[in-house]
Amino acid sequence: MSPPGREPGVKNARLTTRVSVWAEQDGTGIVTDSSTGYRLPNGAMRAPDVAWVERSRLAAVRRKASASFCRCAPIL
């Protein structure tokens, strides 16, 4: 997929920032951007513009796999 234009890029940056601020205050999960791939249980690969994953889900994923695609579905 080609990169977005200026306006969608600004909207994506604002959304990621707002979710990140909320996640830091909440403390129960992490936020990733579109450069993070998620391998879903059905085998599909997705890279959402912004995603939030609970730390408990991440703990279930082996540390060795942390540098590769996340093998869990984000909550948001």
PDB file of N, CA and C in Angstrom:
ATOM      1  N   MET A   1       0.843  -1.168   0.000  1.00  0.00           N
ATOM      2  CA  MET A   1       0.000   0.000   0.000  1.00  0.00           C
ATOM      3  C   MET A   1       0.894   1.239   0.000  1.00  0.00           C
ATOM      4  N   SER A   2       0.538   2.206  -0.804  1.00  0.00           N
ATOM      5  CA  SER A   2       1.344   3.420  -0.874  1.00  0.00           C
ATOM      6  C   SER A   2       1.125   4.281   0.370  1.00  0.00           C
ATOM      7  N   PRO A   3       2.078   5.129   0.697  1.00  0.00           N
ATOM      8  CA  PRO A   3       1.943   5.978   1.883  1.00  0.00           C
ATOM      9  C   PRO A   3       0.781   6.962   1.726  1.00  0.00           C
ATOM     10  N   PRO A   4       0.201   7.382   2.848  1.00  0.00           N
ATOM     11  CA  PRO A   4      -0.908   8.331   2.774  1.00  0.00           C
ATOM     12  C   PRO A   4      -0.406   9.721   2.417  1.00  0.00           C
ATOM     13  N   GLY A   5      -1.309  10.558   2.006  1.00  0.00           N
ATOM     14  CA  GLY A   5      -0.975  11.955   1.748  1.00  0.00           C
ATOM     15  C   GLY A   5      -0.818  12.708   3.055  1.00  0.00           C
ATOM     16  N   ARG A   6      -0.640  14.016   2.949  1.00  0.00           N
ATOM     17  CA  ARG A   6      -0.398  14.834   4.128  1.00  0.00           C
ATOM     18  C   ARG A   6      -1.563  14.801   5.110  1.00  0.00           C
ATOM     19  N   GLU A   7      -2.779  15.024   4.643  1.00  0.00           N
ATOM     20  CA  GLU A   7      -3.922  15.102   5.561  1.00  0.00           C
ATOM     21  C   GLU A   7      -4.175  13.792   6.314  1.00  0.00           C
ATOM     22  N   PRO A   8      -4.205  12.655   5.633  1.00  0.00           N
ATOM     23  CA  PRO A   8      -4.363  11.397   6.396  1.00  0.00           C
ATOM     24  C   PRO A   8      -3.201  11.150   7.354  1.00  0.00           C
ATOM     25  N   GLY A   9      -1.994  11.552   6.962  1.00  0.00           N
ATOM     26  CA  GLY A   9      -0.838  11.382   7.834  1.00  0.00           C
ATOM     27  C   GLY A   9      -0.975  12.204   9.108  1.00  0.00           C
ATOM     28  N   VAL A  10      -1.495  13.426   8.983  1.00  0.00           N
ATOM     29  CA  VAL A  10      -1.715  14.278  10.152  1.00  0.00           C
ATOM     30  C   VAL A  10      -2.764  13.653  11.059  1.00  0.00           C
ATOM     31  N   LYS A  11      -3.844  13.155  10.476  1.00  0.00           N
ATOM     32  CA  LYS A  11      -4.909  12.517  11.273  1.00  0.00           C
ATOM     33  C   LYS A  11      -4.394  11.271  11.979  1.00  0.00           C
ATOM     34  N   ASN A  12      -3.597  10.462  11.280  1.00  0.00           N
ATOM     35  CA  ASN A  12      -3.039   9.260  11.897  1.00  0.00           C
ATOM     36  C   ASN A  12      -2.105   9.621  13.052  1.00  0.00           C
ATOM     37  N   ALA A  13      -1.296  10.661  12.864  1.00  0.00           N
ATOM     38  CA  ALA A  13      -0.376  11.089  13.928  1.00  0.00           C
ATOM     39  C   ALA A  13      -1.156  11.563  15.153  1.00  0.00           C
ATOM     40  N   ARG A  14      -2.219  12.313  14.943  1.00  0.00           N
ATOM     41  CA  ARG A  14      -3.038  12.785  16.067  1.00  0.00           C
ATOM     42  C   ARG A  14      -3.682  11.610  16.805  1.00  0.00           C
ATOM     43  N   LEU A  15      -4.214  10.674  16.042  1.00  0.00           N
ATOM     44  CA  LEU A  15      -4.858   9.511  16.656  1.00  0.00           C
ATOM     45  C   LEU A  15      -3.847   8.705  17.477  1.00  0.00           C
ATOM     46  N   THR A  16      -2.681   8.440  16.893  1.00  0.00           N
ATOM     47  CA  THR A  16      -1.655   7.682  17.603  1.00  0.00           C
ATOM     48  C   THR A  16      -1.220   8.417  18.863  1.00  0.00           C
ATOM     49  N   THR A  17      -1.062   9.727  18.778  1.00  0.00           N
ATOM     50  CA  THR A  17      -0.662  10.514  19.947  1.00  0.00           C
ATOM     51  C   THR A  17      -1.708  10.428  21.047  1.00  0.00           C
ATOM     52  N   ARG A  18      -2.961  10.602  20.694  1.00  0.00           N
ATOM     53  CA  ARG A  18      -4.032  10.571  21.708  1.00  0.00           C
ATOM     54  C   ARG A  18      -4.141   9.201  22.368  1.00  0.00           C
ATOM     55  N   VAL A  19      -4.052   8.151  21.577  1.00  0.00           N
ATOM     56  CA  VAL A  19      -4.120   6.804  22.157  1.00  0.00           C
ATOM     57  C   VAL A  19      -2.884   6.548  23.027  1.00  0.00           C
ATOM     58  N   SER A  20      -1.728   7.024  22.605  1.00  0.00           N
ATOM     59  CA  SER A  20      -0.504   6.851  23.390  1.00  0.00           C
ATOM     60  C   SER A  20      -0.574   7.569  24.727  1.00  0.00           C
ATOM     61  N   VAL A  21      -1.094   8.790  24.732  1.00  0.00           N
ATOM     62  CA  VAL A  21      -1.235   9.542  25.987  1.00  0.00           C
ATOM     63  C   VAL A  21      -2.176   8.798  26.927  1.00  0.00           C
ATOM     64  N   TRP A  22      -3.294   8.333  26.393  1.00  0.00           N
ATOM     65  CA  TRP A  22      -4.245   7.573  27.217  1.00  0.00           C
ATOM     66  C   TRP A  22      -3.582   6.305  27.766  1.00  0.00           C
ATOM     67  N   ALA A  23      -2.850   5.587  26.906  1.00  0.00           N
ATOM     68  CA  ALA A  23      -2.223   4.334  27.327  1.00  0.00           C
ATOM     69  C   ALA A  23      -1.178   4.564  28.416  1.00  0.00           C
ATOM     70  N   GLU A  24      -0.428   5.647  28.328  1.00  0.00           N
ATOM     71  CA  GLU A  24       0.554   5.944  29.367  1.00  0.00           C
ATOM     72  C   GLU A  24      -0.132   6.224  30.694  1.00  0.00           C
ATOM     73  N   GLN A  25      -1.242   6.921  30.660  1.00  0.00           N
ATOM     74  CA  GLN A  25      -1.985   7.209  31.891  1.00  0.00           C
ATOM     75  C   GLN A  25      -2.616   5.945  32.452  1.00  0.00           C
ATOM     76  N   ASP A  26      -3.133   5.099  31.573  1.00  0.00           N
ATOM     77  CA  ASP A  26      -3.800   3.864  31.979  1.00  0.00           C
ATOM     78  C   ASP A  26      -2.793   2.832  32.491  1.00  0.00           C
ATOM     79  N   GLY A  27      -1.696   2.665  31.769  1.00  0.00           N
ATOM     80  CA  GLY A  27      -0.616   1.785  32.196  1.00  0.00           C
ATOM     81  C   GLY A  27      -0.818   0.297  32.008  1.00  0.00           C
ATOM     82  N   THR A  28      -1.931  -0.125  31.439  1.00  0.00           N
ATOM     83  CA  THR A  28      -2.192  -1.562  31.328  1.00  0.00           C
ATOM     84  C   THR A  28      -1.842  -2.155  29.970  1.00  0.00           C
ATOM     85  N   GLY A  29      -1.357  -1.326  29.047  1.00  0.00           N
ATOM     86  CA  GLY A  29      -1.041  -1.837  27.719  1.00  0.00           C
ATOM     87  C   GLY A  29      -0.055  -0.955  26.989  1.00  0.00           C
ATOM     88  N   ILE A  30       0.232  -1.341  25.746  1.00  0.00           N
ATOM     89  CA  ILE A  30       1.140  -0.572  24.915  1.00  0.00           C
ATOM     90  C   ILE A  30       0.450  -0.184  23.615  1.00  0.00           C
ATOM     91  N   VAL A  31       0.982   0.857  22.984  1.00  0.00           N
ATOM     92  CA  VAL A  31       0.459   1.343  21.706  1.00  0.00           C
ATOM     93  C   VAL A  31       1.516   1.113  20.641  1.00  0.00           C
ATOM     94  N   THR A  32       1.084   0.685  19.471  1.00  0.00           N
ATOM     95  CA  THR A  32       1.979   0.544  18.328  1.00  0.00           C
ATOM     96  C   THR A  32       1.388   1.301  17.145  1.00  0.00           C
ATOM     97  N   ASP A  33       2.249   1.576  16.167  1.00  0.00           N
ATOM     98  CA  ASP A  33       1.782   2.273  14.974  1.00  0.00           C
ATOM     99  C   ASP A  33       1.749   1.324  13.781  1.00  0.00           C
ATOM    100  N   SER A  34       1.610   1.882  12.593  1.00  0.00           N
ATOM    101  CA  SER A  34       1.433   1.068  11.392  1.00  0.00           C
ATOM    102  C   SER A  34       2.675   0.290  10.979  1.00  0.00           C
ATOM    103  N   SER A  35       3.796   0.505  11.633  1.00  0.00           N
ATOM    104  CA  SER A  35       4.992  -0.271  11.303  1.00  0.00           C
ATOM    105  C   SER A  35       5.040  -1.603  12.053  1.00  0.00           C
ATOM    106  N   THR A  36       4.030  -1.877  12.874  1.00  0.00           N
ATOM    107  CA  THR A  36       3.967  -3.121  13.641  1.00  0.00           C
ATOM    108  C   THR A  36       2.962  -4.076  13.012  1.00  0.00           C
ATOM    109  N   GLY A  37       3.418  -5.269  12.702  1.00  0.00           N
ATOM    110  CA  GLY A  37       2.536  -6.278  12.130  1.00  0.00           C
ATOM    111  C   GLY A  37       1.999  -7.210  13.193  1.00  0.00           C
ATOM    112  N   TYR A  38       0.765  -7.606  13.041  1.00  0.00           N
ATOM    113  CA  TYR A  38       0.097  -8.549  13.952  1.00  0.00           C
ATOM    114  C   TYR A  38      -0.339  -9.765  13.162  1.00  0.00           C
ATOM    115  N   ARG A  39       0.080 -10.936  13.625  1.00  0.00           N
ATOM    116  CA  ARG A  39      -0.361 -12.197  13.019  1.00  0.00           C
ATOM    117  C   ARG A  39      -1.559 -12.654  13.832  1.00  0.00           C
ATOM    118  N   LEU A  40      -2.737 -12.641  13.205  1.00  0.00           N
ATOM    119  CA  LEU A  40      -3.981 -12.998  13.889  1.00  0.00           C
ATOM    120  C   LEU A  40      -4.139 -14.508  13.991  1.00  0.00           C
ATOM    121  N   PRO A  41      -5.003 -14.977  14.902  1.00  0.00           N
ATOM    122  CA  PRO A  41      -5.185 -16.428  15.075  1.00  0.00           C
ATOM    123  C   PRO A  41      -5.564 -17.166  13.791  1.00  0.00           C
ATOM    124  N   ASN A  42      -6.255 -16.489  12.856  1.00  0.00           N
ATOM    125  CA  ASN A  42      -6.638 -17.152  11.606  1.00  0.00           C
ATOM    126  C   ASN A  42      -5.520 -17.117  10.568  1.00  0.00           C
ATOM    127  N   GLY A  43      -4.345 -16.591  10.946  1.00  0.00           N
ATOM    128  CA  GLY A  43      -3.200 -16.548  10.053  1.00  0.00           C
ATOM    129  C   GLY A  43      -3.056 -15.243   9.279  1.00  0.00           C
ATOM    130  N   ALA A  44      -4.067 -14.394   9.321  1.00  0.00           N
ATOM    131  CA  ALA A  44      -4.014 -13.118   8.606  1.00  0.00           C
ATOM    132  C   ALA A  44      -2.977 -12.191   9.231  1.00  0.00           C
ATOM    133  N   MET A  45      -2.359 -11.380   8.407  1.00  0.00           N
ATOM    134  CA  MET A  45      -1.393 -10.382   8.871  1.00  0.00           C
ATOM    135  C   MET A  45      -2.042  -9.011   8.724  1.00  0.00           C
ATOM    136  N   ARG A  46      -1.988  -8.230   9.788  1.00  0.00           N
ATOM    137  CA  ARG A  46      -2.542  -6.876   9.762  1.00  0.00           C
ATOM    138  C   ARG A  46      -1.543  -5.910  10.385  1.00  0.00           C
ATOM    139  N   ALA A  47      -1.540  -4.674   9.894  1.00  0.00           N
ATOM    140  CA  ALA A  47      -0.699  -3.602  10.435  1.00  0.00           C
ATOM    141  C   ALA A  47      -1.585  -2.364  10.570  1.00  0.00           C
ATOM    142  N   PRO A  48      -2.339  -2.263  11.662  1.00  0.00           N
ATOM    143  CA  PRO A  48      -3.266  -1.136  11.820  1.00  0.00           C
ATOM    144  C   PRO A  48      -2.525   0.188  12.012  1.00  0.00           C
ATOM    145  N   ASP A  49      -3.192   1.274  11.670  1.00  0.00           N
ATOM    146  CA  ASP A  49      -2.600   2.607  11.849  1.00  0.00           C
ATOM    147  C   ASP A  49      -2.191   2.828  13.294  1.00  0.00           C
ATOM    148  N   VAL A  50      -3.016   2.385  14.220  1.00  0.00           N
ATOM    149  CA  VAL A  50      -2.713   2.454  15.647  1.00  0.00           C
ATOM    150  C   VAL A  50      -3.359   1.239  16.306  1.00  0.00           C
ATOM    151  N   ALA A  51      -2.672   0.678  17.276  1.00  0.00           N
ATOM    152  CA  ALA A  51      -3.213  -0.479  17.993  1.00  0.00           C
ATOM    153  C   ALA A  51      -2.831  -0.380  19.463  1.00  0.00           C
ATOM    154  N   TRP A  52      -3.678  -0.968  20.309  1.00  0.00           N
ATOM    155  CA  TRP A  52      -3.409  -1.049  21.737  1.00  0.00           C
ATOM    156  C   TRP A  52      -3.547  -2.504  22.159  1.00  0.00           C
ATOM    157  N   VAL A  53      -2.540  -2.985  22.888  1.00  0.00           N
ATOM    158  CA  VAL A  53      -2.529  -4.376  23.350  1.00  0.00           C
ATOM    159  C   VAL A  53      -2.287  -4.388  24.848  1.00  0.00           C
ATOM    160  N   GLU A  54      -3.086  -5.173  25.572  1.00  0.00           N
ATOM    161  CA  GLU A  54      -2.885  -5.323  27.017  1.00  0.00           C
ATOM    162  C   GLU A  54      -1.549  -6.007  27.284  1.00  0.00           C
ATOM    163  N   ARG A  55      -0.890  -5.568  28.344  1.00  0.00           N
ATOM    164  CA  ARG A  55       0.393  -6.170  28.724  1.00  0.00           C
ATOM    165  C   ARG A  55       0.243  -7.664  29.017  1.00  0.00           C
ATOM    166  N   SER A  56      -0.904  -8.061  29.552  1.00  0.00           N
ATOM    167  CA  SER A  56      -1.111  -9.480  29.852  1.00  0.00           C
ATOM    168  C   SER A  56      -1.101 -10.328  28.581  1.00  0.00           C
ATOM    169  N   ARG A  57      -1.605  -9.788  27.484  1.00  0.00           N
ATOM    170  CA  ARG A  57      -1.548 -10.525  26.213  1.00  0.00           C
ATOM    171  C   ARG A  57      -0.119 -10.631  25.720  1.00  0.00           C
ATOM    172  N   LEU A  58       0.629  -9.552  25.882  1.00  0.00           N
ATOM    173  CA  LEU A  58       2.018  -9.568  25.441  1.00  0.00           C
ATOM    174  C   LEU A  58       2.852 -10.536  26.264  1.00  0.00           C
ATOM    175  N   ALA A  59       2.531 -10.659  27.549  1.00  0.00           N
ATOM    176  CA  ALA A  59       3.273 -11.565  28.418  1.00  0.00           C
ATOM    177  C   ALA A  59       3.121 -13.009  27.959  1.00  0.00           C
ATOM    178  N   ALA A  60       2.006 -13.305  27.320  1.00  0.00           N
ATOM    179  CA  ALA A  60       1.764 -14.658  26.844  1.00  0.00           C
ATOM    180  C   ALA A  60       2.581 -14.975  25.591  1.00  0.00           C
ATOM    181  N   VAL A  61       3.106 -13.939  24.937  1.00  0.00           N
ATOM    182  CA  VAL A  61       3.928 -14.122  23.737  1.00  0.00           C
ATOM    183  C   VAL A  61       5.378 -14.245  24.175  1.00  0.00           C
ATOM    184  N   ARG A  62       6.058 -15.217  23.669  1.00  0.00           N
ATOM    185  CA  ARG A  62       7.458 -15.434  24.058  1.00  0.00           C
ATOM    186  C   ARG A  62       8.326 -14.218  23.763  1.00  0.00           C
ATOM    187  N   ARG A  63       9.286 -13.951  24.640  1.00  0.00           N
ATOM    188  CA  ARG A  63      10.212 -12.824  24.443  1.00  0.00           C
ATOM    189  C   ARG A  63      10.981 -12.963  23.141  1.00  0.00           C
ATOM    190  N   LYS A  64      11.320 -14.157  22.767  1.00  0.00           N
ATOM    191  CA  LYS A  64      12.090 -14.384  21.550  1.00  0.00           C
ATOM    192  C   LYS A  64      11.346 -13.843  20.330  1.00  0.00           C
ATOM    193  N   ALA A  65      10.033 -13.906  20.378  1.00  0.00           N
ATOM    194  CA  ALA A  65       9.226 -13.457  19.247  1.00  0.00           C
ATOM    195  C   ALA A  65       8.946 -11.960  19.281  1.00  0.00           C
ATOM    196  N   SER A  66       9.446 -11.239  20.278  1.00  0.00           N
ATOM    197  CA  SER A  66       9.098  -9.831  20.414  1.00  0.00           C
ATOM    198  C   SER A  66       9.648  -8.958  19.290  1.00  0.00           C
ATOM    199  N   ALA A  67      10.704  -9.387  18.630  1.00  0.00           N
ATOM    200  CA  ALA A  67      11.264  -8.597  17.534  1.00  0.00           C
ATOM    201  C   ALA A  67      10.559  -8.877  16.207  1.00  0.00           C
ATOM    202  N   SER A  68       9.776  -9.943  16.141  1.00  0.00           N
ATOM    203  CA  SER A  68       9.070 -10.270  14.912  1.00  0.00           C
ATOM    204  C   SER A  68       7.607  -9.848  15.048  1.00  0.00           C
ATOM    205  N   PHE A  69       6.793 -10.312  14.126  1.00  0.00           N
ATOM    206  CA  PHE A  69       5.378  -9.956  14.175  1.00  0.00           C
ATOM    207  C   PHE A  69       4.735 -10.478  15.448  1.00  0.00           C
ATOM    208  N   CYS A  70       3.893  -9.669  16.021  1.00  0.00           N
ATOM    209  CA  CYS A  70       3.201 -10.037  17.257  1.00  0.00           C
ATOM    210  C   CYS A  70       2.151 -11.094  16.934  1.00  0.00           C
ATOM    211  N   ARG A  71       2.177 -12.198  17.652  1.00  0.00           N
ATOM    212  CA  ARG A  71       1.216 -13.280  17.414  1.00  0.00           C
ATOM    213  C   ARG A  71       0.056 -13.182  18.385  1.00  0.00           C
ATOM    214  N   CYS A  72      -0.546 -11.992  18.420  1.00  0.00           N
ATOM    215  CA  CYS A  72      -1.742 -11.786  19.227  1.00  0.00           C
ATOM    216  C   CYS A  72      -2.571 -10.684  18.562  1.00  0.00           C
ATOM    217  N   ALA A  73      -3.834 -10.688  18.845  1.00  0.00           N
ATOM    218  CA  ALA A  73      -4.705  -9.662  18.274  1.00  0.00           C
ATOM    219  C   ALA A  73      -4.774  -8.470  19.223  1.00  0.00           C
ATOM    220  N   PRO A  74      -4.599  -7.269  18.692  1.00  0.00           N
ATOM    221  CA  PRO A  74      -4.731  -6.101  19.561  1.00  0.00           C
ATOM    222  C   PRO A  74      -6.184  -5.922  20.002  1.00  0.00           C
ATOM    223  N   ILE A  75      -6.375  -5.278  21.145  1.00  0.00           N
ATOM    224  CA  ILE A  75      -7.721  -4.980  21.628  1.00  0.00           C
ATOM    225  C   ILE A  75      -8.324  -3.847  20.806  1.00  0.00           C
ATOM    226  N   LEU A  76      -7.485  -2.838  20.515  1.00  0.00           N
ATOM    227  CA  LEU A  76      -7.924  -1.681  19.718  1.00  0.00           C
ATOM    228  C   LEU A  76      -7.066  -1.586  18.501  1.00  0.00           C
TER     229      LEU A  76
END
